[in-house]
C-alpha atoms as a PDB file:
ATOM      1  CA  MET A   1       0.006   0.007   0.001  1.00  0.00           C
ATOM      2  CA  THR A   2       1.094   3.566  -0.587  1.00  0.00           C
ATOM      3  CA  TYR A   3       2.088   6.037   1.972  1.00  0.00           C
ATOM      4  CA  THR A   4      -1.371   7.990   1.589  1.00  0.00           C
ATOM      5  CA  ALA A   5      -3.369   4.703   1.771  1.00  0.00           C
ATOM      6  CA  TRP A   6      -1.775   3.727   5.197  1.00  0.00           C
ATOM      7  CA  ILE A   7      -2.687   7.156   6.573  1.00  0.00           C
ATOM      8  CA  LEU A   8      -6.204   6.933   5.267  1.00  0.00           C
ATOM      9  CA  LEU A   9      -6.634   3.343   6.523  1.00  0.00           C
ATOM     10  CA  THR A  10      -5.354   4.204   9.866  1.00  0.00           C
ATOM     11  CA  ALA A  11      -7.603   7.285  10.304  1.00  0.00           C
ATOM     12  CA  SER A  12     -10.644   5.282   9.135  1.00  0.00           C
ATOM     13  CA  LEU A  13     -10.002   2.636  11.671  1.00  0.00           C
ATOM     14  CA  VAL A  14     -10.072   5.306  14.325  1.00  0.00           C
ATOM     15  CA  GLY A  15     -13.242   6.772  12.820  1.00  0.00           C
ATOM     16  CA  ILE A  16     -15.034   3.363  12.746  1.00  0.00           C
ATOM     17  CA  SER A  17     -13.972   2.399  16.271  1.00  0.00           C
ATOM     18  CA  CYS A  18     -14.560   5.688  17.936  1.00  0.00           C
ATOM     19  CA  GLY A  19     -17.810   6.124  15.898  1.00  0.00           C
ATOM     20  CA  ILE A  20     -19.353   2.842  17.129  1.00  0.00           C
ATOM     21  CA  LEU A  21     -18.454   3.585  20.783  1.00  0.00           C
ATOM     22  CA  GLY A  22     -19.467   7.332  20.576  1.00  0.00           C
ATOM     23  CA  VAL A  23     -23.016   6.267  19.888  1.00  0.00           C
ATOM     24  CA  PHE A  24     -23.384   4.530  23.217  1.00  0.00           C
ATOM     25  CA  LEU A  25     -21.435   7.425  24.903  1.00  0.00           C
ATOM     26  CA  ILE A  26     -23.923  10.007  23.544  1.00  0.00           C
ATOM     27  CA  LEU A  27     -26.930   7.892  24.514  1.00  0.00           C
ATOM     28  CA  ARG A  28     -25.646   7.400  27.911  1.00  0.00           C
ATOM     29  CA  LYS A  29     -24.990  11.082  28.324  1.00  0.00           C
ATOM     30  CA  MET A  30     -21.283  10.597  28.962  1.00  0.00           C
ATOM     31  CA  ALA A  31     -19.589  12.388  25.906  1.00  0.00           C
ATOM     32  CA  MET A  32     -17.337  14.237  28.016  1.00  0.00           C
ATOM     33  CA  MET A  33     -15.834  11.103  29.390  1.00  0.00           C
ATOM     34  CA  ALA A  34     -14.032  10.839  26.104  1.00  0.00           C
ATOM     35  CA  ASP A  35     -12.274  14.122  26.689  1.00  0.00           C
ATOM     36  CA  ALA A  36     -11.396  13.020  30.208  1.00  0.00           C
ATOM     37  CA  ILE A  37      -9.835   9.720  29.289  1.00  0.00           C
ATOM     38  CA  SER A  38      -7.941  11.309  26.348  1.00  0.00           C
ATOM     39  CA  HIS A  39      -6.176  13.761  28.647  1.00  0.00           C
ATOM     40  CA  THR A  40      -5.731  11.491  31.801  1.00  0.00           C
ATOM     41  CA  VAL A  41      -3.718   9.022  29.685  1.00  0.00           C
ATOM     42  CA  LEU A  42      -0.876  11.673  29.839  1.00  0.00           C
ATOM     43  CA  LEU A  43      -0.383  10.555  33.452  1.00  0.00           C
ATOM     44  CA  GLY A  44       0.108   6.993  32.415  1.00  0.00           C
ATOM     45  CA  ILE A  45       2.476   7.974  29.622  1.00  0.00           C
ATOM     46  CA  VAL A  46       4.609  10.029  32.154  1.00  0.00           C
ATOM     47  CA  VAL A  47       4.630   7.281  34.726  1.00  0.00           C
ATOM     48  CA  ALA A  48       5.542   4.501  32.120  1.00  0.00           C
ATOM     49  CA  TYR A  49       8.425   6.712  31.066  1.00  0.00           C
ATOM     50  CA  LEU A  50       9.681   7.399  34.803  1.00  0.00           C
ATOM     51  CA  LEU A  51       9.660   3.674  35.309  1.00  0.00           C
ATOM     52  CA  THR A  52      11.456   2.651  32.154  1.00  0.00           C
ATOM     53  CA  HIS A  53      13.270   5.751  31.029  1.00  0.00           C
ATOM     54  CA  SER A  54      12.221   4.915  27.454  1.00  0.00           C
ATOM     55  CA  LEU A  55       9.663   6.591  25.001  1.00  0.00           C
ATOM     56  CA  ASN A  56       9.401   3.539  22.851  1.00  0.00           C
ATOM     57  CA  GLY A  57       7.692   0.256  23.583  1.00  0.00           C
ATOM     58  CA  ILE A  58       4.570  -1.423  24.729  1.00  0.00           C
ATOM     59  CA  HIS A  59       5.038  -0.053  28.129  1.00  0.00           C
ATOM     60  CA  MET A  60       3.810   3.154  26.955  1.00  0.00           C
ATOM     61  CA  VAL A  61       0.640   1.867  25.854  1.00  0.00           C
ATOM     62  CA  ILE A  62       0.084  -0.204  28.913  1.00  0.00           C
ATOM     63  CA  GLY A  63       0.679   2.902  31.126  1.00  0.00           C
ATOM     64  CA  ALA A  64      -1.874   4.953  29.030  1.00  0.00           C
ATOM     65  CA  ALA A  65      -4.494   2.173  29.206  1.00  0.00           C
ATOM     66  CA  VAL A  66      -4.025   1.787  32.992  1.00  0.00           C
ATOM     67  CA  ALA A  67      -4.528   5.534  33.302  1.00  0.00           C
ATOM     68  CA  GLY A  68      -7.644   5.539  31.095  1.00  0.00           C
ATOM     69  CA  ILE A  69      -9.119   2.627  33.137  1.00  0.00           C
ATOM     70  CA  LEU A  70      -8.319   4.247  36.369  1.00  0.00           C
ATOM     71  CA  THR A  71     -10.235   7.248  35.275  1.00  0.00           C
ATOM     72  CA  THR A  72     -13.256   5.223  34.490  1.00  0.00           C
ATOM     73  CA  TYR A  73     -13.220   3.407  37.713  1.00  0.00           C
ATOM     74  CA  LEU A  74     -12.615   6.531  39.727  1.00  0.00           C
ATOM     75  CA  VAL A  75     -15.565   8.478  38.010  1.00  0.00           C
ATOM     76  CA  GLN A  76     -17.879   5.555  38.719  1.00  0.00           C
ATOM     77  CA  TRP A  77     -16.637   5.213  42.284  1.00  0.00           C
ATOM     78  CA  PHE A  78     -17.365   8.864  43.085  1.00  0.00           C
ATOM     79  CA  HIS A  79     -20.735   8.806  41.185  1.00  0.00           C
ATOM     80  CA  SER A  80     -21.918   5.684  43.087  1.00  0.00           C
ATOM     81  CA  ARG A  81     -21.260   7.528  46.388  1.00  0.00           C
ATOM     82  CA  GLY A  82     -23.624  10.389  45.403  1.00  0.00           C
ATOM     83  CA  VAL A  83     -21.407  12.794  43.408  1.00  0.00           C
ATOM     84  CA  GLY A  84     -22.934  13.895  40.161  1.00  0.00           C
ATOM     85  CA  GLN A  85     -21.752  12.325  36.959  1.00  0.00           C
ATOM     86  CA  ASP A  86     -20.400  15.568  35.336  1.00  0.00           C
ATOM     87  CA  ALA A  87     -18.740  16.659  38.696  1.00  0.00           C
ATOM     88  CA  SER A  88     -17.049  13.200  39.010  1.00  0.00           C
ATOM     89  CA  ILE A  89     -15.606  13.521  35.512  1.00  0.00           C
ATOM     90  CA  GLY A  90     -14.504  17.083  35.946  1.00  0.00           C
ATOM     91  CA  VAL A  91     -12.787  16.340  39.255  1.00  0.00           C
ATOM     92  CA  VAL A  92     -11.046  13.134  38.134  1.00  0.00           C
ATOM     93  CA  PHE A  93     -10.107  14.529  34.735  1.00  0.00           C
ATOM     94  CA  THR A  94      -8.492  17.808  36.073  1.00  0.00           C
ATOM     95  CA  THR A  95      -6.759  16.141  38.962  1.00  0.00           C
ATOM     96  CA  LEU A  96      -5.079  13.310  37.004  1.00  0.00           C
ATOM     97  CA  PHE A  97      -4.250  15.472  34.093  1.00  0.00           C
ATOM     98  CA  ALA A  98      -2.699  18.096  36.491  1.00  0.00           C
ATOM     99  CA  ILE A  99      -0.605  15.312  38.195  1.00  0.00           C
ATOM    100  CA  GLY A 100       0.734  14.376  34.687  1.00  0.00           C
ATOM    101  CA  VAL A 101       1.583  17.971  33.763  1.00  0.00           C
ATOM    102  CA  ILE A 102       3.455  18.369  37.085  1.00  0.00           C
ATOM    103  CA  LEU A 103       5.435  15.383  36.617  1.00  0.00           C
ATOM    104  CA  ILE A 104       6.400  16.281  33.148  1.00  0.00           C
ATOM    105  CA  ALA A 105       7.528  19.754  34.349  1.00  0.00           C
ATOM    106  CA  THR A 106       9.474  18.388  37.220  1.00  0.00           C
ATOM    107  CA  LYS A 107      10.752  14.894  36.395  1.00  0.00           C
ATOM    108  CA  THR A 108      11.419  14.523  32.696  1.00  0.00           C
ATOM    109  CA  GLY A 109      14.077  17.214  32.280  1.00  0.00           C
ATOM    110  CA  ASN A 110      15.340  17.689  28.702  1.00  0.00           C
ATOM    111  CA  VAL A 111      13.655  14.550  27.456  1.00  0.00           C
ATOM    112  CA  HIS A 112      11.402  15.076  24.418  1.00  0.00           C
ATOM    113  CA  LEU A 113       8.243  14.506  26.384  1.00  0.00           C
ATOM    114  CA  ASP A 114       6.025  17.614  26.759  1.00  0.00           C
ATOM    115  CA  VAL A 115       2.244  18.356  26.988  1.00  0.00           C
ATOM    116  CA  GLN A 116       2.041  19.132  23.244  1.00  0.00           C
ATOM    117  CA  HIS A 117       4.100  16.173  22.309  1.00  0.00           C
ATOM    118  CA  ALA A 118       1.810  13.838  24.337  1.00  0.00           C
ATOM    119  CA  LEU A 119      -1.619  15.364  23.365  1.00  0.00           C
ATOM    120  CA  MET A 120      -1.068  16.088  19.645  1.00  0.00           C
ATOM    121  CA  GLY A 121      -0.329  12.943  17.675  1.00  0.00           C
ATOM    122  CA  GLU A 122       1.128  13.186  14.124  1.00  0.00           C
ATOM    123  CA  ILE A 123      -0.519  10.661  11.729  1.00  0.00           C
ATOM    124  CA  SER A 124       1.865  11.575   8.962  1.00  0.00           C
ATOM    125  CA  PHE A 125       4.536   9.432  10.920  1.00  0.00           C
ATOM    126  CA  VAL A 126       2.345   6.348  11.256  1.00  0.00           C
ATOM    127  CA  PRO A 127       3.628   4.582   8.001  1.00  0.00           C
ATOM    128  CA  TRP A 128       7.274   4.807   9.058  1.00  0.00           C
ATOM    129  CA  ASN A 129       6.806   2.745  12.413  1.00  0.00           C
ATOM    130  CA  THR A 130       6.224  -0.703  11.049  1.00  0.00           C
ATOM    131  CA  VAL A 131       6.195  -4.330  12.173  1.00  0.00           C
ATOM    132  CA  ASP A 132       6.848  -7.372   9.877  1.00  0.00           C
ATOM    133  CA  LEU A 133       4.100 -10.177   9.835  1.00  0.00           C
ATOM    134  CA  PRO A 134       4.659 -13.510   8.346  1.00  0.00           C
ATOM    135  CA  VAL A 135       1.838 -13.328   5.628  1.00  0.00           C
ATOM    136  CA  LEU A 136       0.984  -9.678   5.425  1.00  0.00           C
ATOM    137  CA  GLY A 137       4.481  -8.227   5.241  1.00  0.00           C
ATOM    138  CA  SER A 138       5.342  -4.830   6.708  1.00  0.00           C
ATOM    139  CA  ILE A 139       2.459  -3.061   8.297  1.00  0.00           C
ATOM    140  CA  PRO A 140       2.440   0.223  10.483  1.00  0.00           C
ATOM    141  CA  LEU A 141       2.282  -0.639  14.151  1.00  0.00           C
ATOM    142  CA  ALA A 142      -0.494   1.731  14.893  1.00  0.00           C
ATOM    143  CA  THR A 143      -2.652   0.328  11.970  1.00  0.00           C
ATOM    144  CA  LEU A 144      -2.212  -3.090  13.306  1.00  0.00           C
ATOM    145  CA  MET A 145      -3.067  -2.026  16.775  1.00  0.00           C
ATOM    146  CA  LEU A 146      -6.181  -0.364  15.522  1.00  0.00           C
ATOM    147  CA  PHE A 147      -7.249  -3.346  13.397  1.00  0.00           C
ATOM    148  CA  ILE A 148      -7.016  -5.545  16.721  1.00  0.00           C
ATOM    149  CA  VAL A 149      -9.068  -2.907  18.683  1.00  0.00           C
ATOM    150  CA  LEU A 150     -11.757  -2.687  15.946  1.00  0.00           C
ATOM    151  CA  PHE A 151     -12.173  -6.473  15.985  1.00  0.00           C
ATOM    152  CA  VAL A 152     -12.457  -6.476  19.718  1.00  0.00           C
ATOM    153  CA  VAL A 153     -15.025  -3.560  19.688  1.00  0.00           C
ATOM    154  CA  ILE A 154     -17.196  -5.208  17.120  1.00  0.00           C
ATOM    155  CA  ALA A 155     -17.065  -8.661  18.767  1.00  0.00           C
ATOM    156  CA  VAL A 156     -17.868  -7.298  22.294  1.00  0.00           C
ATOM    157  CA  ILE A 157     -20.678  -4.939  20.969  1.00  0.00           C
ATOM    158  CA  GLY A 158     -22.175  -7.755  18.840  1.00  0.00           C
ATOM    159  CA  LEU A 159     -22.018 -10.435  21.546  1.00  0.00           C
ATOM    160  CA  PHE A 160     -23.769  -8.333  24.043  1.00  0.00           C
ATOM    161  CA  PHE A 161     -25.937  -6.070  21.762  1.00  0.00           C
ATOM    162  CA  LYS A 162     -29.177  -6.710  23.440  1.00  0.00           C
ATOM    163  CA  GLU A 163     -27.692  -6.121  26.841  1.00  0.00           C
ATOM    164  CA  TRP A 164     -26.032  -2.831  25.707  1.00  0.00           C
ATOM    165  CA  LYS A 165     -29.287  -1.594  24.516  1.00  0.00           C
ATOM    166  CA  LEU A 166     -31.117  -2.495  27.707  1.00  0.00           C
ATOM    167  CA  THR A 167     -28.445  -1.121  30.042  1.00  0.00           C
ATOM    168  CA  THR A 168     -28.237   2.056  27.891  1.00  0.00           C
ATOM    169  CA  PHE A 169     -31.950   2.880  27.780  1.00  0.00           C
ATOM    170  CA  ASP A 170     -33.364   1.379  30.781  1.00  0.00           C
ATOM    171  CA  PRO A 171     -30.780   0.175  33.373  1.00  0.00           C
ATOM    172  CA  ALA A 172     -33.355  -0.446  35.987  1.00  0.00           C
ATOM    173  CA  LEU A 173     -35.106  -2.931  33.777  1.00  0.00           C
ATOM    174  CA  ALA A 174     -31.877  -4.477  32.854  1.00  0.00           C
ATOM    175  CA  ALA A 175     -30.983  -5.014  36.558  1.00  0.00           C
ATOM    176  CA  SER A 176     -34.369  -6.518  37.281  1.00  0.00           C
ATOM    177  CA  LEU A 177     -33.781  -9.066  34.650  1.00  0.00           C
ATOM    178  CA  GLY A 178     -30.384  -9.966  36.169  1.00  0.00           C
ATOM    179  CA  ILE A 179     -28.127  -8.290  33.753  1.00  0.00           C
ATOM    180  CA  PRO A 180     -24.940  -7.175  35.422  1.00  0.00           C
ATOM    181  CA  VAL A 181     -25.374  -3.382  34.787  1.00  0.00           C
ATOM    182  CA  ILE A 182     -22.224  -2.187  36.628  1.00  0.00           C
ATOM    183  CA  GLY A 183     -20.114  -4.904  35.173  1.00  0.00           C
ATOM    184  CA  LEU A 184     -21.193  -4.072  31.687  1.00  0.00           C
ATOM    185  CA  HIS A 185     -20.649  -0.436  32.290  1.00  0.00           C
ATOM    186  CA  TYR A 186     -17.014  -1.081  33.360  1.00  0.00           C
ATOM    187  CA  LEU A 187     -16.582  -3.320  30.306  1.00  0.00           C
ATOM    188  CA  PHE A 188     -17.855  -0.639  28.041  1.00  0.00           C
ATOM    189  CA  MET A 189     -15.660   2.084  29.676  1.00  0.00           C
ATOM    190  CA  THR A 190     -12.658  -0.323  29.446  1.00  0.00           C
ATOM    191  CA  LEU A 191     -13.439  -0.584  25.708  1.00  0.00           C
ATOM    192  CA  VAL A 192     -13.509   3.162  25.521  1.00  0.00           C
ATOM    193  CA  SER A 193     -10.150   3.501  27.308  1.00  0.00           C
ATOM    194  CA  VAL A 194      -8.400   0.881  25.181  1.00  0.00           C
ATOM    195  CA  THR A 195      -9.782   2.452  21.851  1.00  0.00           C
ATOM    196  CA  THR A 196      -8.682   5.962  23.027  1.00  0.00           C
ATOM    197  CA  VAL A 197      -5.224   4.738  23.954  1.00  0.00           C
ATOM    198  CA  ALA A 198      -4.713   2.807  20.662  1.00  0.00           C
ATOM    199  CA  SER A 199      -5.907   5.823  18.666  1.00  0.00           C
ATOM    200  CA  PHE A 200      -4.024   8.323  20.913  1.00  0.00           C
ATOM    201  CA  ASP A 201      -0.539   7.635  19.651  1.00  0.00           C
ATOM    202  CA  ALA A 202      -1.355   7.906  15.951  1.00  0.00           C
ATOM    203  CA  VAL A 203      -3.782  10.915  15.861  1.00  0.00           C
ATOM    204  CA  GLY A 204      -3.597  12.685  19.173  1.00  0.00           C
ATOM    205  CA  ALA A 205      -6.157  13.583  21.673  1.00  0.00           C
ATOM    206  CA  ILE A 206      -8.044  16.165  19.729  1.00  0.00           C
ATOM    207  CA  MET A 207      -9.008  13.832  16.891  1.00  0.00           C
ATOM    208  CA  VAL A 208      -9.840  11.047  19.266  1.00  0.00           C
ATOM    209  CA  VAL A 209     -12.361  13.316  21.118  1.00  0.00           C
ATOM    210  CA  ALA A 210     -13.779  14.628  17.797  1.00  0.00           C
ATOM    211  CA  MET A 211     -14.335  11.182  16.471  1.00  0.00           C
ATOM    212  CA  LEU A 212     -15.791   9.799  19.613  1.00  0.00           C
ATOM    213  CA  ILE A 213     -18.363  12.581  19.842  1.00  0.00           C
ATOM    214  CA  ALA A 214     -19.122  14.428  16.599  1.00  0.00           C
ATOM    215  CA  PRO A 215     -20.054  11.454  14.181  1.00  0.00           C
ATOM    216  CA  ALA A 216     -22.243   9.946  16.821  1.00  0.00           C
ATOM    217  CA  ALA A 217     -23.846  13.318  17.561  1.00  0.00           C
ATOM    218  CA  ALA A 218     -24.440  13.725  13.780  1.00  0.00           C
ATOM    219  CA  ALA A 219     -25.913  10.160  13.453  1.00  0.00           C
ATOM    220  CA  TYR A 220     -28.274  10.974  16.225  1.00  0.00           C
ATOM    221  CA  LEU A 221     -29.796  13.689  14.070  1.00  0.00           C
ATOM    222  CA  TRP A 222     -30.298  11.404  11.029  1.00  0.00           C
ATOM    223  CA  SER A 223     -31.951   8.375  12.566  1.00  0.00           C
ATOM    224  CA  ASP A 224     -33.779   7.007  15.784  1.00  0.00           C
ATOM    225  CA  LYS A 225     -32.825   3.447  15.100  1.00  0.00           C
ATOM    226  CA  LEU A 226     -29.836   2.202  17.170  1.00  0.00           C
ATOM    227  CA  LEU A 227     -28.367   0.002  14.488  1.00  0.00           C
ATOM    228  CA  VAL A 228     -28.771   2.640  11.899  1.00  0.00           C
ATOM    229  CA  MET A 229     -26.872   5.135  14.184  1.00  0.00           C
ATOM    230  CA  LEU A 230     -24.010   2.920  14.697  1.00  0.00           C
ATOM    231  CA  PHE A 231     -23.479   2.395  10.893  1.00  0.00           C
ATOM    232  CA  LEU A 232     -23.997   6.137  10.158  1.00  0.00           C
ATOM    233  CA  SER A 233     -21.557   7.146  12.903  1.00  0.00           C
ATOM    234  CA  ALA A 234     -18.969   4.731  11.588  1.00  0.00           C
ATOM    235  CA  ALA A 235     -19.530   6.047   8.148  1.00  0.00           C
ATOM    236  CA  PHE A 236     -19.287   9.689   9.214  1.00  0.00           C
ATOM    237  CA  GLY A 237     -16.048   8.911  10.875  1.00  0.00           C
ATOM    238  CA  VAL A 238     -14.545   7.402   7.859  1.00  0.00           C
ATOM    239  CA  VAL A 239     -15.719  10.363   5.671  1.00  0.00           C
ATOM    240  CA  SER A 240     -14.267  12.700   8.173  1.00  0.00           C
ATOM    241  CA  ALA A 241     -10.900  10.994   7.851  1.00  0.00           C
ATOM    242  CA  VAL A 242     -10.877  11.190   4.003  1.00  0.00           C
ATOM    243  CA  LEU A 243     -12.150  14.727   3.659  1.00  0.00           C
ATOM    244  CA  GLY A 244      -9.843  16.004   6.535  1.00  0.00           C
ATOM    245  CA  PHE A 245      -6.747  14.347   4.869  1.00  0.00           C
ATOM    246  CA  TYR A 246      -7.356  16.125   1.645  1.00  0.00           C
ATOM    247  CA  PHE A 247      -8.218  19.434   3.127  1.00  0.00           C
ATOM    248  CA  ALA A 248      -4.918  19.271   5.013  1.00  0.00           C
ATOM    249  CA  LEU A 249      -3.026  18.633   1.790  1.00  0.00           C
ATOM    250  CA  TRP A 250      -4.875  21.588   0.204  1.00  0.00           C
ATOM    251  CA  ILE A 251      -3.966  24.249   2.875  1.00  0.00           C
ATOM    252  CA  ASP A 252      -0.836  22.473   4.167  1.00  0.00           C
ATOM    253  CA  THR A 253      -1.716  22.062   7.710  1.00  0.00           C
ATOM    254  CA  SER A 254      -2.075  19.431  10.448  1.00  0.00           C
ATOM    255  CA  ILE A 255      -3.738  16.336   9.171  1.00  0.00           C
ATOM    256  CA  SER A 256      -5.114  15.259  12.594  1.00  0.00           C
ATOM    257  CA  GLY A 257      -6.505  18.746  13.198  1.00  0.00           C
ATOM    258  CA  SER A 258      -8.172  18.831   9.681  1.00  0.00           C
ATOM    259  CA  MET A 259      -9.843  15.504  10.323  1.00  0.00           C
ATOM    260  CA  ALA A 260     -11.188  16.799  13.527  1.00  0.00           C
ATOM    261  CA  PHE A 261     -12.402  19.854  11.827  1.00  0.00           C
ATOM    262  CA  ALA A 262     -14.114  17.654   9.166  1.00  0.00           C
ATOM    263  CA  THR A 263     -16.189  15.882  11.925  1.00  0.00           C
ATOM    264  CA  GLY A 264     -17.491  19.349  13.122  1.00  0.00           C
ATOM    265  CA  ILE A 265     -18.489  20.193   9.396  1.00  0.00           C
ATOM    266  CA  ILE A 266     -20.345  16.961   9.097  1.00  0.00           C
ATOM    267  CA  PHE A 267     -22.132  17.563  12.311  1.00  0.00           C
ATOM    268  CA  LEU A 268     -23.062  21.098  11.311  1.00  0.00           C
ATOM    269  CA  LEU A 269     -24.405  19.980   7.969  1.00  0.00           C
ATOM    270  CA  SER A 270     -26.402  17.258   9.721  1.00  0.00           C
ATOM    271  CA  PHE A 271     -27.769  19.836  12.167  1.00  0.00           C
ATOM    272  CA  ILE A 272     -28.990  21.857   9.165  1.00  0.00           C
ATOM    273  CA  ILE A 273     -30.192  19.471   6.690  1.00  0.00           C
ATOM    274  CA  SER A 274     -31.024  16.022   8.422  1.00  0.00           C
ATOM    275  CA  PRO A 275     -34.582  15.200   7.292  1.00  0.00           C
ATOM    276  CA  ARG A 276     -35.839  14.092  10.727  1.00  0.00           C
ATOM    277  CA  HIS A 277     -34.254  16.502  13.203  1.00  0.00           C
ATOM    278  CA  GLY A 278     -32.520  19.205  11.191  1.00  0.00           C
ATOM    279  CA  MET A 279     -33.017  22.782  11.412  1.00  0.00           C
ATOM    280  CA  LEU A 280     -34.547  23.160   7.915  1.00  0.00           C
ATOM    281  CA  SER A 281     -36.997  20.302   8.643  1.00  0.00           C
ATOM    282  CA  ASN A 282     -37.993  22.007  11.927  1.00  0.00           C
ATOM    283  CA  TRP A 283     -38.619  25.293  10.102  1.00  0.00           C
ATOM    284  CA  LEU A 284     -40.652  23.473   7.435  1.00  0.00           C
ATOM    285  CA  ARG A 285     -42.598  21.607  10.185  1.00  0.00           C
ATOM    286  CA  PRO A 286     -42.808  24.114  13.030  1.00  0.00           C
ATOM    287  CA  ALA A 287     -45.571  22.143  14.903  1.00  0.00           C
ATOM    288  CA  ARG A 288     -43.257  19.183  15.252  1.00  0.00           C
ATOM    289  CA  LYS A 289     -41.430  18.795  18.523  1.00  0.00           C
ATOM    290  CA  THR A 290     -37.734  19.768  17.838  1.00  0.00           C
ATOM    291  CA  GLY A 291     -34.758  17.429  18.556  1.00  0.00           C
ATOM    292  CA  PRO A 292     -34.537  13.669  18.821  1.00  0.00           C
ATOM    293  CA  SER A 293     -37.061  12.368  21.183  1.00  0.00           C
ATOM    294  CA  SER A 294     -36.607   8.655  21.282  1.00  0.00           C
ATOM    295  CA  ILE A 295     -34.552   5.861  19.980  1.00  0.00           C
ATOM    296  CA  ASP A 296     -35.922   2.802  18.288  1.00  0.00           C
ATOM    297  CA  LEU A 297     -34.567  -0.343  19.892  1.00  0.00           C
END
């Protein structure tokens, strides 16, 4: 494959994985959890470096994943003890991120590890960091990781699809039926953490947050059917990746930033022209209640 093809494939894998999980984040009203995890992984990266004194290796991914999962568990722990969901996210997010910033400022010295380096990935470097596989040959490491993550996400969502629907829309009913609501919540947030970490190194925090939220929010405007929303969100993620890449080439700017910008454009267009809940349809049918009202299971 060509250099451009690897970049587009990698970004598309991020768009699909984040798009699928983003739908459930939106429906569970936990969109800002994506922002929290994408920033608190900084602490895991710094701690992994301080333990190993190396910026390369699987230990960086493990450290980031542990920090993301820790964020999830701390937010749920505070929430289960009466703290509001948004307040829990805000407190955990800012505290862990601040610890990471302090450690960078005081412990890493002259090492090339700073806040900008940790939060802004550069997808144009992805094709150069490769691994050799027996049949497939040389493949970018980030692309391989994202393929594995996408497979896991699709497998887990598919295996427990009915349970995800019940726990998302009516957790009380799910609990009464014997479904482990809390266990599935932790499993889902672990998926979000792992996906965020796998995407983080290639595309950076800004694009990860954009891909987790904007495509799902746009899909929410086009359909009330959960399965359709999942496909639309994944498709919007891929379209954003492609459009953002060529826009970046056109004006010679950041590829990841342009892809994140493209997700916002797609959401804006959906907000205006979507036939069910778009601004134009609401103007044409003023008597109709505005905004999505329900989801068809």
